[in-house]
Amino acid sequence: MVDLVLFDSPALSVETNPSFSLPIYRYSAERLRKVSDLDCKSLSFSTLRVEARLSATPFGLPAWPNEYLFLKPDLSLLDADRRRVTLVEVKTIGETVARNVALYKGVCRHLSENGWSAELCYLLSHGHEDDNDWRLIDQHQLHMILLEDVLGAVISTPLVSIFDLDLAAYAFWPAVPVDYGTT
């Protein structure tokens, strides 16, 4: 596990408790459909792992398949009490979903077979440039968190003070069909 270092900033104090959730989407037929929410209230130093190598230990399993030993999700949101984990892979400019999608789906399957609820989400921008990734996201029914939603949520928290720019311009969504699950 990688230790998180807090900078000397009131916005990053231990007392800061995010009070927002982030929509999780599926992409299909050139539409985004909201399927659930990532509740950020449960994030803490004990539940958030950053670029930590996957292994049997945090899941309390006796063994871990060798093919998954080198995987290091960008974020792992681990709730051991509820046996639930959300793995988040960040894909920015030049990065592709194709690189490890089969392996991460295998990890989720392995964890599910061992009594865990495991979810894989890709954090990417609505403007993600790789058309092949959108096809893979659709084909594999992958979940996504949009960077625009993250930045929009940060704007209304004390964390906004750590950014030296106006996040509103980056939190803007282009016109896109979205189904928020209300119909």
C-alpha atoms as a PDB file:
ATOM      1  CA  MET A   1       0.000   0.000   0.000  1.00  0.00           C
ATOM      2  CA  VAL A   2       1.222   3.498  -0.818  1.00  0.00           C
ATOM      3  CA  ASP A   3       1.047   5.984   2.038  1.00  0.00           C
ATOM      4  CA  LEU A   4      -0.813   9.196   1.335  1.00  0.00           C
ATOM      5  CA  VAL A   5       0.956  12.395   2.305  1.00  0.00           C
ATOM      6  CA  LEU A   6      -1.087  15.372   3.417  1.00  0.00           C
ATOM      7  CA  PHE A   7       0.211  18.776   2.471  1.00  0.00           C
ATOM      8  CA  ASP A   8      -0.026  21.634   4.928  1.00  0.00           C
ATOM      9  CA  SER A   9      -3.358  22.897   3.633  1.00  0.00           C
ATOM     10  CA  PRO A  10      -6.697  23.339   5.383  1.00  0.00           C
ATOM     11  CA  ALA A  11      -8.359  21.921   2.264  1.00  0.00           C
ATOM     12  CA  LEU A  12      -6.543  18.637   2.788  1.00  0.00           C
ATOM     13  CA  SER A  13      -6.992  18.247   6.513  1.00  0.00           C
ATOM     14  CA  VAL A  14      -8.027  14.926   7.989  1.00  0.00           C
ATOM     15  CA  GLU A  15     -11.295  16.546   9.087  1.00  0.00           C
ATOM     16  CA  THR A  16     -12.284  17.258   5.481  1.00  0.00           C
ATOM     17  CA  ASN A  17     -15.089  14.840   4.680  1.00  0.00           C
ATOM     18  CA  PRO A  18     -16.379  14.913   1.114  1.00  0.00           C
ATOM     19  CA  SER A  19     -20.154  15.174   1.095  1.00  0.00           C
ATOM     20  CA  PHE A  20     -20.799  14.400  -2.548  1.00  0.00           C
ATOM     21  CA  SER A  21     -21.245  11.373  -4.720  1.00  0.00           C
ATOM     22  CA  LEU A  22     -20.094  10.882  -8.280  1.00  0.00           C
ATOM     23  CA  PRO A  23     -22.314   9.403 -10.977  1.00  0.00           C
ATOM     24  CA  ILE A  24     -21.162   6.139 -12.510  1.00  0.00           C
ATOM     25  CA  TYR A  25     -22.149   5.643 -16.135  1.00  0.00           C
ATOM     26  CA  ARG A  26     -22.347   2.979 -18.801  1.00  0.00           C
ATOM     27  CA  TYR A  27     -21.821   3.912 -22.419  1.00  0.00           C
ATOM     28  CA  SER A  28     -23.912   2.238 -25.099  1.00  0.00           C
ATOM     29  CA  ALA A  29     -25.129   3.237 -28.547  1.00  0.00           C
ATOM     30  CA  GLU A  30     -23.392   6.622 -28.236  1.00  0.00           C
ATOM     31  CA  ARG A  31     -25.303   7.448 -25.039  1.00  0.00           C
ATOM     32  CA  LEU A  32     -24.283   7.658 -21.413  1.00  0.00           C
ATOM     33  CA  ARG A  33     -26.586   6.008 -18.894  1.00  0.00           C
ATOM     34  CA  LYS A  34     -26.212   6.625 -15.189  1.00  0.00           C
ATOM     35  CA  VAL A  35     -26.158   3.242 -13.431  1.00  0.00           C
ATOM     36  CA  SER A  36     -25.123   4.105  -9.876  1.00  0.00           C
ATOM     37  CA  ASP A  37     -23.213   6.535  -7.671  1.00  0.00           C
ATOM     38  CA  LEU A  38     -19.829   6.425  -6.002  1.00  0.00           C
ATOM     39  CA  ASP A  39     -20.423   7.685  -2.481  1.00  0.00           C
ATOM     40  CA  CYS A  40     -17.393   9.778  -1.560  1.00  0.00           C
ATOM     41  CA  LYS A  41     -18.457  10.087   2.089  1.00  0.00           C
ATOM     42  CA  SER A  42     -16.938   6.691   2.787  1.00  0.00           C
ATOM     43  CA  LEU A  43     -13.468   7.684   1.562  1.00  0.00           C
ATOM     44  CA  SER A  44     -10.801   7.684   4.233  1.00  0.00           C
ATOM     45  CA  PHE A  45      -7.131   6.890   4.610  1.00  0.00           C
ATOM     46  CA  SER A  46      -8.096   3.335   5.539  1.00  0.00           C
ATOM     47  CA  THR A  47     -10.322   2.761   2.492  1.00  0.00           C
ATOM     48  CA  LEU A  48      -8.405   4.567  -0.270  1.00  0.00           C
ATOM     49  CA  ARG A  49      -5.313   3.016  -1.835  1.00  0.00           C
ATOM     50  CA  VAL A  50      -3.343   4.831  -4.518  1.00  0.00           C
ATOM     51  CA  GLU A  51      -1.414   2.792  -7.105  1.00  0.00           C
ATOM     52  CA  ALA A  52      -1.174  -0.130  -4.682  1.00  0.00           C
ATOM     53  CA  ARG A  53      -0.260  -3.477  -6.199  1.00  0.00           C
ATOM     54  CA  LEU A  54      -3.128  -5.974  -6.007  1.00  0.00           C
ATOM     55  CA  SER A  55      -2.553  -9.034  -3.855  1.00  0.00           C
ATOM     56  CA  ALA A  56      -4.402 -11.492  -1.613  1.00  0.00           C
ATOM     57  CA  THR A  57      -3.583  -9.607   1.616  1.00  0.00           C
ATOM     58  CA  PRO A  58      -6.044  -6.673   1.569  1.00  0.00           C
ATOM     59  CA  PHE A  59      -8.850  -9.049   0.570  1.00  0.00           C
ATOM     60  CA  GLY A  60      -8.001 -11.636   3.230  1.00  0.00           C
ATOM     61  CA  LEU A  61      -7.575 -14.351   0.612  1.00  0.00           C
ATOM     62  CA  PRO A  62      -5.162 -17.266   0.963  1.00  0.00           C
ATOM     63  CA  ALA A  63      -3.684 -16.854  -2.530  1.00  0.00           C
ATOM     64  CA  TRP A  64      -3.649 -14.494  -5.510  1.00  0.00           C
ATOM     65  CA  PRO A  65      -3.404 -15.499  -9.197  1.00  0.00           C
ATOM     66  CA  ASN A  66       0.025 -14.759 -10.680  1.00  0.00           C
ATOM     67  CA  GLU A  67      -1.437 -13.058 -13.767  1.00  0.00           C
ATOM     68  CA  TYR A  68      -2.836 -10.261 -11.563  1.00  0.00           C
ATOM     69  CA  LEU A  69       0.226  -9.677  -9.369  1.00  0.00           C
ATOM     70  CA  PHE A  70       1.602  -6.791 -11.453  1.00  0.00           C
ATOM     71  CA  LEU A  71      -1.678  -4.838 -11.615  1.00  0.00           C
ATOM     72  CA  LYS A  72      -1.722  -1.517  -9.769  1.00  0.00           C
ATOM     73  CA  PRO A  73      -5.058   0.283 -10.175  1.00  0.00           C
ATOM     74  CA  ASP A  74      -4.786   4.042  -9.946  1.00  0.00           C
ATOM     75  CA  LEU A  75      -7.281   3.964  -7.068  1.00  0.00           C
ATOM     76  CA  SER A  76      -8.708   1.124  -5.007  1.00  0.00           C
ATOM     77  CA  LEU A  77     -11.643   1.975  -2.782  1.00  0.00           C
ATOM     78  CA  LEU A  78     -11.699  -0.929  -0.359  1.00  0.00           C
ATOM     79  CA  ASP A  79     -14.407  -1.562   2.216  1.00  0.00           C
ATOM     80  CA  ALA A  80     -13.244  -4.764   3.920  1.00  0.00           C
ATOM     81  CA  ASP A  81     -16.167  -4.814   6.378  1.00  0.00           C
ATOM     82  CA  ARG A  82     -18.690  -4.980   3.533  1.00  0.00           C
ATOM     83  CA  ARG A  83     -16.317  -7.001   1.295  1.00  0.00           C
ATOM     84  CA  ARG A  84     -16.646  -4.410  -1.449  1.00  0.00           C
ATOM     85  CA  VAL A  85     -14.001  -2.862  -3.695  1.00  0.00           C
ATOM     86  CA  THR A  86     -14.124  -0.349  -6.517  1.00  0.00           C
ATOM     87  CA  LEU A  87     -11.056  -0.293  -8.753  1.00  0.00           C
ATOM     88  CA  VAL A  88     -10.542   2.951 -10.672  1.00  0.00           C
ATOM     89  CA  GLU A  89      -8.271   3.226 -13.682  1.00  0.00           C
ATOM     90  CA  VAL A  90      -7.562   6.767 -14.916  1.00  0.00           C
ATOM     91  CA  LYS A  91      -7.282   7.191 -18.666  1.00  0.00           C
ATOM     92  CA  THR A  92      -6.039  10.576 -19.817  1.00  0.00           C
ATOM     93  CA  ILE A  93      -4.584  11.761 -23.121  1.00  0.00           C
ATOM     94  CA  GLY A  94      -2.667   8.974 -24.819  1.00  0.00           C
ATOM     95  CA  GLU A  95      -3.821   6.255 -22.397  1.00  0.00           C
ATOM     96  CA  THR A  96      -6.097   3.455 -23.542  1.00  0.00           C
ATOM     97  CA  VAL A  97      -8.660   1.223 -21.894  1.00  0.00           C
ATOM     98  CA  ALA A  98      -7.497  -1.678 -24.080  1.00  0.00           C
ATOM     99  CA  ARG A  99      -4.224  -2.140 -22.201  1.00  0.00           C
ATOM    100  CA  ASN A 100      -5.580  -4.064 -19.205  1.00  0.00           C
ATOM    101  CA  VAL A 101      -9.343  -4.373 -19.602  1.00  0.00           C
ATOM    102  CA  ALA A 102      -9.360  -8.199 -19.751  1.00  0.00           C
ATOM    103  CA  LEU A 103      -7.069  -8.474 -16.721  1.00  0.00           C
ATOM    104  CA  TYR A 104      -9.132  -6.086 -14.595  1.00  0.00           C
ATOM    105  CA  LYS A 105     -12.348  -7.869 -15.555  1.00  0.00           C
ATOM    106  CA  GLY A 106     -10.595 -11.101 -14.499  1.00  0.00           C
ATOM    107  CA  VAL A 107      -9.647  -9.563 -11.130  1.00  0.00           C
ATOM    108  CA  CYS A 108     -13.262  -8.545 -10.541  1.00  0.00           C
ATOM    109  CA  ARG A 109     -14.445 -12.043 -11.465  1.00  0.00           C
ATOM    110  CA  HIS A 110     -11.834 -13.616  -9.141  1.00  0.00           C
ATOM    111  CA  LEU A 111     -12.889 -11.395  -6.250  1.00  0.00           C
ATOM    112  CA  SER A 112     -16.595 -12.078  -6.895  1.00  0.00           C
ATOM    113  CA  GLU A 113     -15.893 -15.819  -6.833  1.00  0.00           C
ATOM    114  CA  ASN A 114     -14.291 -15.266  -3.408  1.00  0.00           C
ATOM    115  CA  GLY A 115     -17.214 -13.429  -1.813  1.00  0.00           C
ATOM    116  CA  TRP A 116     -16.350  -9.843  -2.728  1.00  0.00           C
ATOM    117  CA  SER A 117     -18.420  -7.294  -4.589  1.00  0.00           C
ATOM    118  CA  ALA A 118     -15.928  -5.884  -7.101  1.00  0.00           C
ATOM    119  CA  GLU A 119     -16.487  -3.054  -9.548  1.00  0.00           C
ATOM    120  CA  LEU A 120     -14.163  -1.648 -12.188  1.00  0.00           C
ATOM    121  CA  CYS A 121     -14.565   1.991 -13.230  1.00  0.00           C
ATOM    122  CA  TYR A 122     -12.587   4.011 -15.728  1.00  0.00           C
ATOM    123  CA  LEU A 123     -12.082   7.693 -14.946  1.00  0.00           C
ATOM    124  CA  LEU A 124     -11.924   9.540 -18.228  1.00  0.00           C
ATOM    125  CA  SER A 125     -13.062  12.708 -19.876  1.00  0.00           C
ATOM    126  CA  HIS A 126     -16.213  12.918 -21.923  1.00  0.00           C
ATOM    127  CA  GLY A 127     -13.882  14.092 -24.702  1.00  0.00           C
ATOM    128  CA  HIS A 128     -11.662  10.978 -24.492  1.00  0.00           C
ATOM    129  CA  GLU A 129     -10.028  10.852 -27.894  1.00  0.00           C
ATOM    130  CA  ASP A 130      -9.680   7.124 -28.561  1.00  0.00           C
ATOM    131  CA  ASP A 131     -12.738   5.885 -30.490  1.00  0.00           C
ATOM    132  CA  ASN A 132     -11.571   2.296 -29.997  1.00  0.00           C
ATOM    133  CA  ASP A 133     -11.890   2.784 -26.239  1.00  0.00           C
ATOM    134  CA  TRP A 134     -15.526   3.820 -26.580  1.00  0.00           C
ATOM    135  CA  ARG A 135     -16.180   0.604 -28.538  1.00  0.00           C
ATOM    136  CA  LEU A 136     -14.433  -1.447 -25.832  1.00  0.00           C
ATOM    137  CA  ILE A 137     -16.359   0.336 -23.080  1.00  0.00           C
ATOM    138  CA  ASP A 138     -19.592  -0.519 -24.864  1.00  0.00           C
ATOM    139  CA  GLN A 139     -18.559  -4.094 -25.738  1.00  0.00           C
ATOM    140  CA  HIS A 140     -17.400  -4.968 -22.202  1.00  0.00           C
ATOM    141  CA  GLN A 141     -20.201  -2.990 -20.514  1.00  0.00           C
ATOM    142  CA  LEU A 142     -17.621  -1.055 -18.501  1.00  0.00           C
ATOM    143  CA  HIS A 143     -18.464   1.575 -15.931  1.00  0.00           C
ATOM    144  CA  MET A 144     -17.111   5.106 -16.110  1.00  0.00           C
ATOM    145  CA  ILE A 145     -16.663   8.106 -13.894  1.00  0.00           C
ATOM    146  CA  LEU A 146     -16.304  11.303 -15.889  1.00  0.00           C
ATOM    147  CA  LEU A 147     -13.549  13.757 -15.063  1.00  0.00           C
ATOM    148  CA  GLU A 148     -15.983  16.599 -15.695  1.00  0.00           C
ATOM    149  CA  ASP A 149     -18.173  15.309 -12.836  1.00  0.00           C
ATOM    150  CA  VAL A 150     -15.184  15.004 -10.502  1.00  0.00           C
ATOM    151  CA  LEU A 151     -14.084  18.572 -11.201  1.00  0.00           C
ATOM    152  CA  GLY A 152     -17.654  19.843 -10.894  1.00  0.00           C
ATOM    153  CA  ALA A 153     -17.945  18.190  -7.475  1.00  0.00           C
ATOM    154  CA  VAL A 154     -14.579  19.533  -6.296  1.00  0.00           C
ATOM    155  CA  ILE A 155     -15.673  23.094  -7.105  1.00  0.00           C
ATOM    156  CA  SER A 156     -18.149  23.006  -4.227  1.00  0.00           C
ATOM    157  CA  THR A 157     -15.667  21.665  -1.663  1.00  0.00           C
ATOM    158  CA  PRO A 158     -12.688  23.117   0.216  1.00  0.00           C
ATOM    159  CA  LEU A 159     -10.443  21.064  -2.088  1.00  0.00           C
ATOM    160  CA  VAL A 160     -10.945  23.658  -4.833  1.00  0.00           C
ATOM    161  CA  SER A 161      -8.395  25.890  -3.081  1.00  0.00           C
ATOM    162  CA  ILE A 162      -5.513  23.582  -4.023  1.00  0.00           C
ATOM    163  CA  PHE A 163      -6.042  24.294  -7.738  1.00  0.00           C
ATOM    164  CA  ASP A 164      -4.463  27.380  -9.230  1.00  0.00           C
ATOM    165  CA  LEU A 165      -7.052  27.709 -11.994  1.00  0.00           C
ATOM    166  CA  ASP A 166     -10.764  27.998 -12.569  1.00  0.00           C
ATOM    167  CA  LEU A 167     -12.112  24.443 -12.652  1.00  0.00           C
ATOM    168  CA  ALA A 168     -15.493  25.490 -14.065  1.00  0.00           C
ATOM    169  CA  ALA A 169     -14.135  25.506 -17.616  1.00  0.00           C
ATOM    170  CA  TYR A 170     -12.996  21.900 -17.193  1.00  0.00           C
ATOM    171  CA  ALA A 171     -16.217  20.728 -15.547  1.00  0.00           C
ATOM    172  CA  PHE A 172     -18.301  21.704 -18.579  1.00  0.00           C
ATOM    173  CA  TRP A 173     -20.103  18.927 -20.436  1.00  0.00           C
ATOM    174  CA  PRO A 174     -20.566  19.142 -24.199  1.00  0.00           C
ATOM    175  CA  ALA A 175     -24.034  18.337 -25.522  1.00  0.00           C
ATOM    176  CA  VAL A 176     -24.472  14.578 -25.209  1.00  0.00           C
ATOM    177  CA  PRO A 177     -27.469  12.316 -24.720  1.00  0.00           C
ATOM    178  CA  VAL A 178     -27.520  11.183 -21.072  1.00  0.00           C
ATOM    179  CA  ASP A 179     -30.050   8.887 -19.425  1.00  0.00           C
ATOM    180  CA  TYR A 180     -30.053   9.561 -15.687  1.00  0.00           C
ATOM    181  CA  GLY A 181     -32.104   6.438 -15.042  1.00  0.00           C
ATOM    182  CA  THR A 182     -35.294   8.358 -14.377  1.00  0.00           C
ATOM    183  CA  THR A 183     -37.238   7.096 -17.374  1.00  0.00           C
END
